């Protein structure tokens, strides 16, 4: 579904990605791990098309790729519910038709009671879940997540992974960057480690 071939990326004299190749298939869930500074965010940004590599190429069979970063991309002038609803409406669906699906996403992320709040009124954990609701409302074929469960309570992180697992069963391809080893152990999937600019399956 989305391929990375011989990607190289450096910052000044630091080699971050070294002739790296990677494939993410339809309905595949992969964890991406590695030490801070290993280049996970750079890797995800290049895969999403948000950053240019120095060498190599990224080939995607779909234009529906969504990168959810640690920093929020929510519109501060809209409620978190309106932020998510915007993505449904941008795909040509009616508000009435999508309300049940959107309500379910908010309930599963435990933010339904916050849906009329604006992004600046939320805590960091609430904001992370609201951003994920926006991503799921978009229903991308490929979802890339950069440390989205950092700082969340364990039960909240597990709820998010269960929701992602449900989306994978519907065909979504998911690449999830995380430092949470306990979460990986409780919800095992394929794990890749980024180390020294290379990927290793562990």
N, C-alpha and C. Protein backbone atom coordinates (compact mmCIF):
# COMPACT_ATOMS: atom_id res chain seq x y z
N UNK A 1 0.82 -1.21 0.00
CA UNK A 1 0.00 0.00 0.00
C UNK A 1 0.85 1.27 0.00
N UNK A 2 1.90 1.28 0.85
CA UNK A 2 2.81 2.42 0.86
C UNK A 2 4.23 1.88 1.07
N UNK A 3 5.14 2.37 0.26
CA UNK A 3 6.49 1.81 0.22
C UNK A 3 7.54 2.91 0.36
N UNK A 4 8.61 2.59 1.04
CA UNK A 4 9.76 3.47 1.18
C UNK A 4 10.97 2.70 0.64
N UNK A 5 11.70 3.29 -0.28
CA UNK A 5 12.82 2.59 -0.92
C UNK A 5 14.10 3.40 -0.83
N UNK A 6 15.09 2.82 -0.15
CA UNK A 6 16.45 3.40 -0.06
C UNK A 6 16.44 4.86 0.39
N UNK A 7 15.67 5.14 1.43
CA UNK A 7 15.55 6.51 1.93
C UNK A 7 16.76 6.87 2.81
N UNK A 8 17.37 7.99 2.50
CA UNK A 8 18.45 8.54 3.30
C UNK A 8 18.09 9.97 3.71
N UNK A 9 18.33 10.28 4.99
CA UNK A 9 18.04 11.62 5.49
C UNK A 9 19.09 11.99 6.55
N UNK A 10 19.67 13.17 6.38
CA UNK A 10 20.67 13.66 7.34
C UNK A 10 20.28 15.06 7.80
N UNK A 11 20.67 15.39 9.02
CA UNK A 11 20.59 16.75 9.54
C UNK A 11 22.01 17.20 9.81
N UNK A 12 22.49 18.14 8.98
CA UNK A 12 23.88 18.55 9.03
C UNK A 12 24.77 17.31 8.87
N UNK A 13 25.54 16.93 9.88
CA UNK A 13 26.43 15.78 9.76
C UNK A 13 25.84 14.51 10.37
N UNK A 14 24.65 14.60 10.92
CA UNK A 14 24.04 13.44 11.57
C UNK A 14 23.18 12.66 10.57
N UNK A 15 23.54 11.40 10.36
CA UNK A 15 22.77 10.53 9.48
C UNK A 15 21.61 9.93 10.27
N UNK A 16 20.39 10.27 9.89
CA UNK A 16 19.20 9.84 10.63
C UNK A 16 18.60 8.56 10.03
N UNK A 17 18.44 8.53 8.73
CA UNK A 17 17.93 7.36 8.02
C UNK A 17 18.96 6.95 6.97
N UNK A 18 19.33 5.68 6.97
CA UNK A 18 20.44 5.21 6.14
C UNK A 18 19.96 4.17 5.13
N UNK A 19 19.67 4.63 3.92
CA UNK A 19 19.23 3.74 2.84
C UNK A 19 18.14 2.78 3.32
N UNK A 20 17.14 3.36 3.94
CA UNK A 20 16.09 2.58 4.61
C UNK A 20 14.96 2.24 3.64
N UNK A 21 14.55 0.98 3.68
CA UNK A 21 13.40 0.52 2.88
C UNK A 21 12.35 -0.06 3.81
N UNK A 22 11.09 0.12 3.43
CA UNK A 22 9.99 -0.28 4.31
C UNK A 22 8.71 -0.42 3.49
N UNK A 23 7.87 -1.38 3.89
CA UNK A 23 6.57 -1.57 3.24
C UNK A 23 5.50 -1.70 4.31
N UNK A 24 4.40 -0.97 4.16
CA UNK A 24 3.23 -1.10 5.03
C UNK A 24 2.07 -1.54 4.16
N UNK A 25 1.54 -2.72 4.47
CA UNK A 25 0.48 -3.31 3.65
C UNK A 25 -0.92 -2.99 4.19
N UNK A 26 -1.90 -3.19 3.37
CA UNK A 26 -3.29 -3.02 3.76
C UNK A 26 -3.61 -3.93 4.94
N UNK A 27 -4.35 -3.40 5.92
CA UNK A 27 -4.79 -4.16 7.10
C UNK A 27 -3.62 -4.66 7.95
N UNK A 28 -2.52 -3.91 7.94
CA UNK A 28 -1.36 -4.27 8.75
C UNK A 28 -1.21 -3.25 9.89
N UNK A 29 -0.87 -3.75 11.07
CA UNK A 29 -0.65 -2.92 12.26
C UNK A 29 0.79 -3.15 12.69
N UNK A 30 1.58 -2.09 12.69
CA UNK A 30 3.00 -2.20 13.03
C UNK A 30 3.35 -1.15 14.09
N UNK A 31 4.05 -1.59 15.13
CA UNK A 31 4.60 -0.65 16.11
C UNK A 31 5.99 -0.22 15.64
N UNK A 32 6.30 1.06 15.81
CA UNK A 32 7.63 1.59 15.54
C UNK A 32 8.23 2.06 16.86
N UNK A 33 9.35 1.47 17.25
CA UNK A 33 10.00 1.82 18.50
C UNK A 33 11.43 2.29 18.22
N UNK A 34 12.05 2.86 19.25
CA UNK A 34 13.41 3.36 19.13
C UNK A 34 13.64 4.44 20.17
N UNK A 35 14.89 4.67 20.48
CA UNK A 35 15.23 5.68 21.48
C UNK A 35 14.84 7.07 20.99
N UNK A 36 14.67 8.00 21.92
CA UNK A 36 14.42 9.39 21.55
C UNK A 36 15.57 9.89 20.70
N UNK A 37 15.24 10.55 19.60
CA UNK A 37 16.27 11.05 18.70
C UNK A 37 16.70 10.05 17.64
N UNK A 38 16.07 8.87 17.64
CA UNK A 38 16.45 7.84 16.66
C UNK A 38 15.98 8.18 15.25
N UNK A 39 14.99 9.08 15.15
CA UNK A 39 14.50 9.49 13.83
C UNK A 39 13.11 9.01 13.50
N UNK A 40 12.35 8.58 14.53
CA UNK A 40 11.00 8.05 14.27
C UNK A 40 10.08 9.11 13.66
N UNK A 41 10.12 10.32 14.19
CA UNK A 41 9.26 11.39 13.66
C UNK A 41 9.66 11.76 12.24
N UNK A 42 10.95 11.78 11.98
CA UNK A 42 11.44 12.05 10.63
C UNK A 42 10.96 10.96 9.67
N UNK A 43 11.08 9.72 10.10
CA UNK A 43 10.64 8.58 9.30
C UNK A 43 9.16 8.70 8.94
N UNK A 44 8.33 9.00 9.93
CA UNK A 44 6.89 9.12 9.70
C UNK A 44 6.58 10.30 8.79
N UNK A 45 7.27 11.41 8.97
CA UNK A 45 7.01 12.61 8.15
C UNK A 45 7.36 12.37 6.69
N UNK A 46 8.45 11.67 6.44
CA UNK A 46 8.83 11.35 5.06
C UNK A 46 7.82 10.38 4.45
N UNK A 47 7.41 9.39 5.23
CA UNK A 47 6.44 8.41 4.73
C UNK A 47 5.12 9.08 4.38
N UNK A 48 4.74 10.10 5.17
CA UNK A 48 3.48 10.81 4.94
C UNK A 48 3.57 11.85 3.83
N UNK A 49 4.80 12.14 3.39
CA UNK A 49 4.98 13.15 2.36
C UNK A 49 5.11 14.56 2.89
N UNK A 50 5.27 14.69 4.20
CA UNK A 50 5.40 16.01 4.82
C UNK A 50 6.84 16.52 4.84
N UNK A 51 7.78 15.64 4.52
CA UNK A 51 9.20 15.99 4.54
C UNK A 51 9.90 15.29 3.38
N UNK A 52 10.86 15.98 2.80
CA UNK A 52 11.61 15.41 1.69
C UNK A 52 12.84 14.66 2.20
N UNK A 53 13.09 13.50 1.61
CA UNK A 53 14.32 12.76 1.91
C UNK A 53 15.46 13.31 1.07
N UNK A 54 16.68 13.04 1.50
CA UNK A 54 17.84 13.44 0.70
C UNK A 54 17.99 12.53 -0.51
N UNK A 55 17.70 11.25 -0.31
CA UNK A 55 17.78 10.27 -1.38
C UNK A 55 16.65 9.25 -1.20
N UNK A 56 16.33 8.55 -2.29
CA UNK A 56 15.32 7.50 -2.22
C UNK A 56 13.94 8.00 -2.62
N UNK A 57 12.95 7.11 -2.51
CA UNK A 57 11.60 7.47 -2.91
C UNK A 57 10.55 6.79 -2.04
N UNK A 58 9.40 7.45 -1.97
CA UNK A 58 8.23 6.89 -1.30
C UNK A 58 7.15 6.71 -2.36
N UNK A 59 6.59 5.51 -2.41
CA UNK A 59 5.54 5.19 -3.38
C UNK A 59 4.29 4.80 -2.61
N UNK A 60 3.20 5.51 -2.85
CA UNK A 60 1.95 5.23 -2.16
C UNK A 60 0.87 4.87 -3.17
N UNK A 61 0.12 3.83 -2.87
CA UNK A 61 -0.98 3.42 -3.72
C UNK A 61 -2.27 4.15 -3.38
N UNK A 62 -2.19 5.03 -2.37
CA UNK A 62 -3.37 5.79 -1.96
C UNK A 62 -2.98 7.21 -1.60
N UNK A 63 -3.90 8.12 -1.78
CA UNK A 63 -3.69 9.51 -1.34
C UNK A 63 -4.25 9.73 0.06
N UNK A 64 -4.91 8.71 0.59
CA UNK A 64 -5.55 8.83 1.91
C UNK A 64 -4.58 8.38 3.01
N UNK A 65 -3.59 9.22 3.27
CA UNK A 65 -2.59 8.98 4.30
C UNK A 65 -2.70 10.10 5.33
N UNK A 66 -2.86 9.72 6.60
CA UNK A 66 -3.04 10.72 7.66
C UNK A 66 -1.94 10.52 8.70
N UNK A 67 -1.16 11.57 8.96
CA UNK A 67 -0.13 11.54 9.99
C UNK A 67 -0.63 12.31 11.20
N UNK A 68 -0.77 11.60 12.31
CA UNK A 68 -1.20 12.22 13.57
C UNK A 68 0.03 12.45 14.43
N UNK A 69 0.39 13.71 14.62
CA UNK A 69 1.59 14.06 15.35
C UNK A 69 1.30 14.31 16.82
N UNK A 70 2.37 14.47 17.59
CA UNK A 70 2.22 14.77 19.01
C UNK A 70 1.56 16.13 19.21
N UNK A 71 1.89 17.08 18.36
CA UNK A 71 1.29 18.42 18.45
C UNK A 71 -0.06 18.40 17.75
N UNK A 72 -1.01 19.12 18.31
CA UNK A 72 -2.38 19.12 17.78
C UNK A 72 -2.50 19.92 16.50
N UNK A 73 -3.32 19.41 15.58
CA UNK A 73 -3.61 20.13 14.33
C UNK A 73 -5.06 20.61 14.32
N UNK A 74 -5.71 20.57 15.49
CA UNK A 74 -7.11 20.98 15.57
C UNK A 74 -7.26 22.48 15.39
N UNK A 75 -8.36 22.88 14.76
CA UNK A 75 -8.69 24.29 14.57
C UNK A 75 -9.21 24.85 15.89
N UNK A 76 -8.53 25.86 16.42
CA UNK A 76 -8.90 26.43 17.71
C UNK A 76 -10.25 27.14 17.69
N UNK A 77 -10.75 27.46 16.51
CA UNK A 77 -12.02 28.18 16.40
C UNK A 77 -13.22 27.26 16.32
N UNK A 78 -12.97 25.95 16.31
CA UNK A 78 -14.05 24.98 16.26
C UNK A 78 -14.01 24.11 17.51
N UNK A 79 -15.18 23.59 17.92
CA UNK A 79 -15.19 22.62 19.01
C UNK A 79 -14.50 21.35 18.51
N UNK A 80 -14.15 20.46 19.44
CA UNK A 80 -13.47 19.24 19.00
C UNK A 80 -14.41 18.37 18.17
N UNK A 81 -15.70 18.45 18.44
CA UNK A 81 -16.68 17.69 17.66
C UNK A 81 -16.77 18.26 16.24
N UNK A 82 -16.77 19.58 16.14
CA UNK A 82 -16.84 20.23 14.83
C UNK A 82 -15.56 19.94 14.02
N UNK A 83 -14.42 19.85 14.71
CA UNK A 83 -13.17 19.52 14.03
C UNK A 83 -13.27 18.16 13.35
N UNK A 84 -13.80 17.18 14.08
CA UNK A 84 -13.94 15.83 13.52
C UNK A 84 -15.02 15.80 12.43
N UNK A 85 -16.12 16.49 12.68
CA UNK A 85 -17.22 16.51 11.73
C UNK A 85 -16.79 17.11 10.39
N UNK A 86 -15.89 18.06 10.45
CA UNK A 86 -15.40 18.72 9.23
C UNK A 86 -14.86 17.70 8.23
N UNK A 87 -14.14 16.68 8.73
CA UNK A 87 -13.55 15.68 7.84
C UNK A 87 -14.61 14.83 7.17
N UNK A 88 -15.68 14.52 7.92
CA UNK A 88 -16.79 13.78 7.30
C UNK A 88 -17.43 14.61 6.19
N UNK A 89 -17.72 15.86 6.51
CA UNK A 89 -18.40 16.72 5.55
C UNK A 89 -17.53 17.00 4.33
N UNK A 90 -16.21 17.05 4.51
CA UNK A 90 -15.30 17.30 3.39
C UNK A 90 -15.30 16.13 2.41
N UNK A 91 -15.78 14.96 2.85
CA UNK A 91 -15.86 13.79 1.98
C UNK A 91 -17.24 13.68 1.33
N UNK A 92 -18.07 14.69 1.55
CA UNK A 92 -19.37 14.71 0.89
C UNK A 92 -20.48 14.00 1.63
N UNK A 93 -20.23 13.58 2.87
CA UNK A 93 -21.26 12.90 3.65
C UNK A 93 -22.10 13.92 4.43
N UNK A 94 -23.35 13.57 4.70
CA UNK A 94 -24.23 14.48 5.41
C UNK A 94 -24.04 14.36 6.92
N UNK A 95 -24.36 15.43 7.63
CA UNK A 95 -24.19 15.45 9.08
C UNK A 95 -25.04 14.37 9.75
N UNK A 96 -26.28 14.20 9.27
CA UNK A 96 -27.18 13.22 9.87
C UNK A 96 -26.64 11.80 9.70
N UNK A 97 -26.06 11.52 8.53
CA UNK A 97 -25.59 10.18 8.22
C UNK A 97 -24.40 9.77 9.09
N UNK A 98 -23.57 10.73 9.43
CA UNK A 98 -22.33 10.37 10.13
C UNK A 98 -22.42 10.54 11.64
N UNK A 99 -23.51 11.12 12.14
CA UNK A 99 -23.60 11.43 13.57
C UNK A 99 -23.40 10.19 14.45
N UNK A 100 -24.03 9.10 14.10
CA UNK A 100 -23.90 7.89 14.93
C UNK A 100 -22.47 7.39 14.98
N UNK A 101 -21.79 7.39 13.83
CA UNK A 101 -20.41 6.93 13.79
C UNK A 101 -19.50 7.84 14.60
N UNK A 102 -19.70 9.14 14.45
CA UNK A 102 -18.87 10.10 15.16
C UNK A 102 -19.11 10.04 16.67
N UNK A 103 -20.37 9.89 17.06
CA UNK A 103 -20.69 9.76 18.48
C UNK A 103 -20.02 8.52 19.07
N UNK A 104 -19.99 7.42 18.30
CA UNK A 104 -19.37 6.19 18.77
C UNK A 104 -17.87 6.37 18.98
N UNK A 105 -17.21 7.07 18.04
CA UNK A 105 -15.78 7.34 18.18
C UNK A 105 -15.50 8.14 19.44
N UNK A 106 -16.31 9.16 19.69
CA UNK A 106 -16.11 10.01 20.87
C UNK A 106 -16.37 9.22 22.16
N UNK A 107 -17.35 8.34 22.12
CA UNK A 107 -17.64 7.53 23.31
C UNK A 107 -16.50 6.54 23.58
N UNK A 108 -15.98 5.92 22.53
CA UNK A 108 -14.91 4.94 22.72
C UNK A 108 -13.62 5.60 23.19
N UNK A 109 -13.43 6.86 22.86
CA UNK A 109 -12.24 7.59 23.30
C UNK A 109 -12.49 8.33 24.61
N UNK A 110 -13.68 8.16 25.18
CA UNK A 110 -14.05 8.78 26.45
C UNK A 110 -13.96 10.30 26.42
N UNK A 111 -14.42 10.89 25.32
CA UNK A 111 -14.44 12.36 25.22
C UNK A 111 -15.80 12.87 24.76
N UNK A 112 -16.80 12.00 24.79
CA UNK A 112 -18.13 12.43 24.34
C UNK A 112 -18.64 13.58 25.19
N UNK A 113 -18.34 13.55 26.49
CA UNK A 113 -18.80 14.61 27.40
C UNK A 113 -18.04 15.92 27.18
N UNK A 114 -17.01 15.89 26.34
CA UNK A 114 -16.20 17.08 26.08
C UNK A 114 -16.43 17.64 24.68
N UNK A 115 -17.38 17.08 23.95
CA UNK A 115 -17.46 17.36 22.52
C UNK A 115 -17.76 18.82 22.18
N UNK A 116 -18.35 19.58 23.12
CA UNK A 116 -18.66 20.98 22.85
C UNK A 116 -17.54 21.92 23.30
N UNK A 117 -16.44 21.36 23.77
CA UNK A 117 -15.32 22.19 24.20
C UNK A 117 -14.38 22.49 23.03
N UNK A 118 -13.64 23.59 23.21
CA UNK A 118 -12.66 23.98 22.22
C UNK A 118 -11.29 23.40 22.61
N UNK A 119 -10.39 23.24 21.64
CA UNK A 119 -9.10 22.61 21.94
C UNK A 119 -8.35 23.21 23.12
N UNK A 120 -8.38 24.53 23.27
CA UNK A 120 -7.62 25.16 24.36
C UNK A 120 -8.22 24.87 25.74
N UNK A 121 -9.41 24.31 25.77
CA UNK A 121 -10.06 24.00 27.04
C UNK A 121 -9.75 22.57 27.52
N UNK A 122 -8.94 21.85 26.78
CA UNK A 122 -8.66 20.44 27.09
C UNK A 122 -7.28 20.26 27.71
N UNK A 123 -7.14 19.17 28.48
CA UNK A 123 -5.83 18.78 28.99
C UNK A 123 -5.05 18.12 27.85
N UNK A 124 -3.77 17.84 28.08
CA UNK A 124 -2.96 17.23 27.05
C UNK A 124 -3.49 15.88 26.60
N UNK A 125 -3.92 15.05 27.56
CA UNK A 125 -4.46 13.74 27.23
C UNK A 125 -5.77 13.83 26.47
N UNK A 126 -6.63 14.75 26.88
CA UNK A 126 -7.90 14.95 26.19
C UNK A 126 -7.67 15.44 24.76
N UNK A 127 -6.70 16.32 24.61
CA UNK A 127 -6.38 16.87 23.29
C UNK A 127 -5.86 15.78 22.36
N UNK A 128 -5.05 14.86 22.90
CA UNK A 128 -4.53 13.75 22.09
C UNK A 128 -5.67 12.87 21.59
N UNK A 129 -6.64 12.61 22.46
CA UNK A 129 -7.77 11.77 22.06
C UNK A 129 -8.68 12.49 21.08
N UNK A 130 -8.83 13.81 21.23
CA UNK A 130 -9.62 14.58 20.28
C UNK A 130 -8.97 14.59 18.90
N UNK A 131 -7.65 14.68 18.87
CA UNK A 131 -6.92 14.64 17.60
C UNK A 131 -7.09 13.28 16.93
N UNK A 132 -7.08 12.22 17.73
CA UNK A 132 -7.28 10.88 17.17
C UNK A 132 -8.70 10.74 16.62
N UNK A 133 -9.67 11.31 17.30
CA UNK A 133 -11.05 11.29 16.81
C UNK A 133 -11.13 11.94 15.44
N UNK A 134 -10.41 13.04 15.27
CA UNK A 134 -10.37 13.73 13.98
C UNK A 134 -9.77 12.82 12.91
N UNK A 135 -8.69 12.13 13.26
CA UNK A 135 -8.03 11.24 12.30
C UNK A 135 -8.95 10.09 11.90
N UNK A 136 -9.64 9.50 12.88
CA UNK A 136 -10.53 8.38 12.58
C UNK A 136 -11.76 8.83 11.79
N UNK A 137 -12.18 10.07 12.02
CA UNK A 137 -13.30 10.61 11.25
C UNK A 137 -12.92 10.72 9.77
N UNK A 138 -11.67 11.00 9.51
CA UNK A 138 -11.18 11.08 8.13
C UNK A 138 -11.17 9.71 7.47
N UNK A 139 -11.06 8.64 8.27
CA UNK A 139 -11.03 7.25 7.78
C UNK A 139 -9.99 7.05 6.69
N UNK A 140 -8.73 7.36 6.97
CA UNK A 140 -7.68 7.18 5.95
C UNK A 140 -7.41 5.71 5.71
N UNK A 141 -6.84 5.41 4.56
CA UNK A 141 -6.43 4.03 4.29
C UNK A 141 -5.13 3.72 5.03
N UNK A 142 -4.31 4.75 5.26
CA UNK A 142 -3.06 4.60 6.00
C UNK A 142 -3.05 5.62 7.12
N UNK A 143 -2.88 5.14 8.36
CA UNK A 143 -2.83 6.03 9.53
C UNK A 143 -1.47 5.89 10.20
N UNK A 144 -0.76 6.99 10.30
CA UNK A 144 0.55 7.04 10.93
C UNK A 144 0.42 7.83 12.23
N UNK A 145 0.89 7.26 13.33
CA UNK A 145 0.70 7.88 14.64
C UNK A 145 2.05 8.06 15.34
N UNK A 146 2.30 9.29 15.78
CA UNK A 146 3.57 9.63 16.40
C UNK A 146 3.39 9.90 17.89
N UNK A 147 3.61 8.87 18.71
CA UNK A 147 3.56 9.00 20.17
C UNK A 147 2.24 9.58 20.68
N UNK A 148 1.13 9.14 20.12
CA UNK A 148 -0.16 9.74 20.47
C UNK A 148 -0.65 9.34 21.86
N UNK A 149 -0.08 8.27 22.43
CA UNK A 149 -0.53 7.85 23.77
C UNK A 149 0.40 8.34 24.88
N UNK A 150 1.42 9.11 24.53
CA UNK A 150 2.35 9.62 25.53
C UNK A 150 1.61 10.47 26.55
N UNK A 151 1.79 10.17 27.83
CA UNK A 151 1.16 10.95 28.90
C UNK A 151 -0.25 10.53 29.24
N UNK A 152 -0.80 9.53 28.53
CA UNK A 152 -2.15 9.07 28.83
C UNK A 152 -2.13 8.00 29.92
N UNK A 153 -3.24 7.86 30.63
CA UNK A 153 -3.39 6.78 31.59
C UNK A 153 -3.40 5.45 30.83
N UNK A 154 -2.90 4.38 31.46
CA UNK A 154 -2.84 3.08 30.77
C UNK A 154 -4.16 2.64 30.16
N UNK A 155 -5.29 2.83 30.88
CA UNK A 155 -6.58 2.38 30.33
C UNK A 155 -6.97 3.20 29.10
N UNK A 156 -6.57 4.48 29.06
CA UNK A 156 -6.87 5.30 27.90
C UNK A 156 -6.05 4.85 26.69
N UNK A 157 -4.78 4.52 26.93
CA UNK A 157 -3.92 4.02 25.85
C UNK A 157 -4.46 2.71 25.29
N UNK A 158 -4.92 1.83 26.19
CA UNK A 158 -5.46 0.55 25.74
C UNK A 158 -6.75 0.73 24.96
N UNK A 159 -7.59 1.68 25.36
CA UNK A 159 -8.81 1.97 24.60
C UNK A 159 -8.48 2.42 23.19
N UNK A 160 -7.44 3.24 23.07
CA UNK A 160 -7.03 3.73 21.76
C UNK A 160 -6.54 2.58 20.89
N UNK A 161 -5.72 1.70 21.45
CA UNK A 161 -5.19 0.58 20.66
C UNK A 161 -6.31 -0.36 20.25
N UNK A 162 -7.27 -0.61 21.14
CA UNK A 162 -8.40 -1.47 20.78
C UNK A 162 -9.19 -0.86 19.63
N UNK A 163 -9.35 0.45 19.65
CA UNK A 163 -10.05 1.13 18.57
C UNK A 163 -9.26 1.03 17.27
N UNK A 164 -7.94 1.16 17.37
CA UNK A 164 -7.09 1.03 16.19
C UNK A 164 -7.13 -0.39 15.64
N UNK A 165 -7.14 -1.37 16.53
CA UNK A 165 -7.24 -2.76 16.09
C UNK A 165 -8.54 -3.01 15.33
N UNK A 166 -9.60 -2.37 15.78
CA UNK A 166 -10.89 -2.49 15.09
C UNK A 166 -10.81 -1.88 13.69
N UNK A 167 -10.11 -0.75 13.57
CA UNK A 167 -9.95 -0.11 12.26
C UNK A 167 -9.08 -0.98 11.34
N UNK A 168 -8.07 -1.63 11.90
CA UNK A 168 -7.22 -2.51 11.10
C UNK A 168 -8.04 -3.67 10.53
N UNK A 169 -8.96 -4.19 11.33
CA UNK A 169 -9.80 -5.29 10.86
C UNK A 169 -10.67 -4.88 9.68
N UNK A 170 -10.92 -3.57 9.56
CA UNK A 170 -11.70 -3.05 8.44
C UNK A 170 -10.82 -2.76 7.23
N UNK A 171 -9.49 -2.92 7.39
CA UNK A 171 -8.60 -2.72 6.25
C UNK A 171 -7.60 -1.59 6.37
N UNK A 172 -7.69 -0.80 7.43
CA UNK A 172 -6.77 0.32 7.59
C UNK A 172 -5.36 -0.18 7.89
N UNK A 173 -4.37 0.44 7.27
CA UNK A 173 -2.96 0.15 7.55
C UNK A 173 -2.48 1.15 8.61
N UNK A 174 -1.84 0.64 9.67
CA UNK A 174 -1.49 1.48 10.82
C UNK A 174 -0.02 1.31 11.18
N UNK A 175 0.67 2.42 11.32
CA UNK A 175 2.05 2.44 11.82
C UNK A 175 2.06 3.34 13.04
N UNK A 176 2.37 2.77 14.20
CA UNK A 176 2.17 3.42 15.49
C UNK A 176 3.51 3.54 16.22
N UNK A 177 4.05 4.74 16.29
CA UNK A 177 5.29 5.00 17.01
C UNK A 177 5.00 5.16 18.50
N UNK A 178 5.74 4.41 19.34
CA UNK A 178 5.49 4.47 20.78
C UNK A 178 6.71 4.02 21.57
N UNK A 179 6.79 4.50 22.82
CA UNK A 179 7.80 4.04 23.78
C UNK A 179 7.18 3.09 24.80
N UNK A 180 5.88 2.86 24.70
CA UNK A 180 5.14 2.13 25.72
C UNK A 180 5.26 0.61 25.53
N UNK A 181 6.27 0.01 26.16
CA UNK A 181 6.50 -1.42 26.01
C UNK A 181 5.38 -2.25 26.64
N UNK A 182 4.81 -1.76 27.72
CA UNK A 182 3.71 -2.50 28.37
C UNK A 182 2.51 -2.59 27.44
N UNK A 183 2.23 -1.50 26.74
CA UNK A 183 1.12 -1.48 25.79
C UNK A 183 1.36 -2.48 24.66
N UNK A 184 2.59 -2.55 24.19
CA UNK A 184 2.94 -3.49 23.12
C UNK A 184 2.76 -4.93 23.58
N UNK A 185 3.15 -5.20 24.82
CA UNK A 185 3.03 -6.55 25.36
C UNK A 185 1.57 -6.97 25.52
N UNK A 186 0.72 -6.03 25.92
CA UNK A 186 -0.69 -6.34 26.12
C UNK A 186 -1.45 -6.46 24.80
N UNK A 187 -0.98 -5.75 23.78
CA UNK A 187 -1.64 -5.76 22.47
C UNK A 187 -0.59 -6.02 21.39
N UNK A 188 -0.08 -7.25 21.34
CA UNK A 188 1.04 -7.56 20.45
C UNK A 188 0.69 -7.43 18.96
N UNK A 189 1.61 -6.82 18.25
CA UNK A 189 1.57 -6.71 16.80
C UNK A 189 3.03 -6.77 16.34
N UNK A 190 3.25 -6.70 15.06
CA UNK A 190 4.60 -6.63 14.53
C UNK A 190 5.30 -5.40 15.08
N UNK A 191 6.58 -5.54 15.48
CA UNK A 191 7.34 -4.44 16.06
C UNK A 191 8.62 -4.22 15.26
N UNK A 192 8.86 -2.98 14.85
CA UNK A 192 10.09 -2.60 14.17
C UNK A 192 10.83 -1.58 15.02
N UNK A 193 12.13 -1.76 15.15
CA UNK A 193 12.96 -0.81 15.89
C UNK A 193 13.82 0.00 14.92
N UNK A 194 13.80 1.31 15.10
CA UNK A 194 14.65 2.20 14.30
C UNK A 194 15.92 2.47 15.12
N UNK A 195 17.04 2.03 14.58
CA UNK A 195 18.30 2.13 15.32
C UNK A 195 19.44 2.34 14.32
N UNK A 196 20.21 3.40 14.54
CA UNK A 196 21.33 3.66 13.64
C UNK A 196 20.92 3.89 12.20
N UNK A 197 19.73 4.41 12.01
CA UNK A 197 19.26 4.71 10.66
C UNK A 197 18.67 3.52 9.92
N UNK A 198 18.63 2.36 10.60
CA UNK A 198 18.10 1.15 9.98
C UNK A 198 16.89 0.63 10.77
N UNK A 199 16.07 -0.21 10.10
CA UNK A 199 14.92 -0.84 10.75
C UNK A 199 15.23 -2.31 11.02
N UNK A 200 14.85 -2.73 12.23
CA UNK A 200 15.04 -4.13 12.61
C UNK A 200 13.74 -4.66 13.21
N UNK A 201 13.31 -5.84 12.77
CA UNK A 201 12.13 -6.46 13.36
C UNK A 201 12.52 -7.16 14.65
N UNK A 202 11.75 -6.93 15.71
CA UNK A 202 12.06 -7.52 17.01
C UNK A 202 10.86 -8.28 17.56
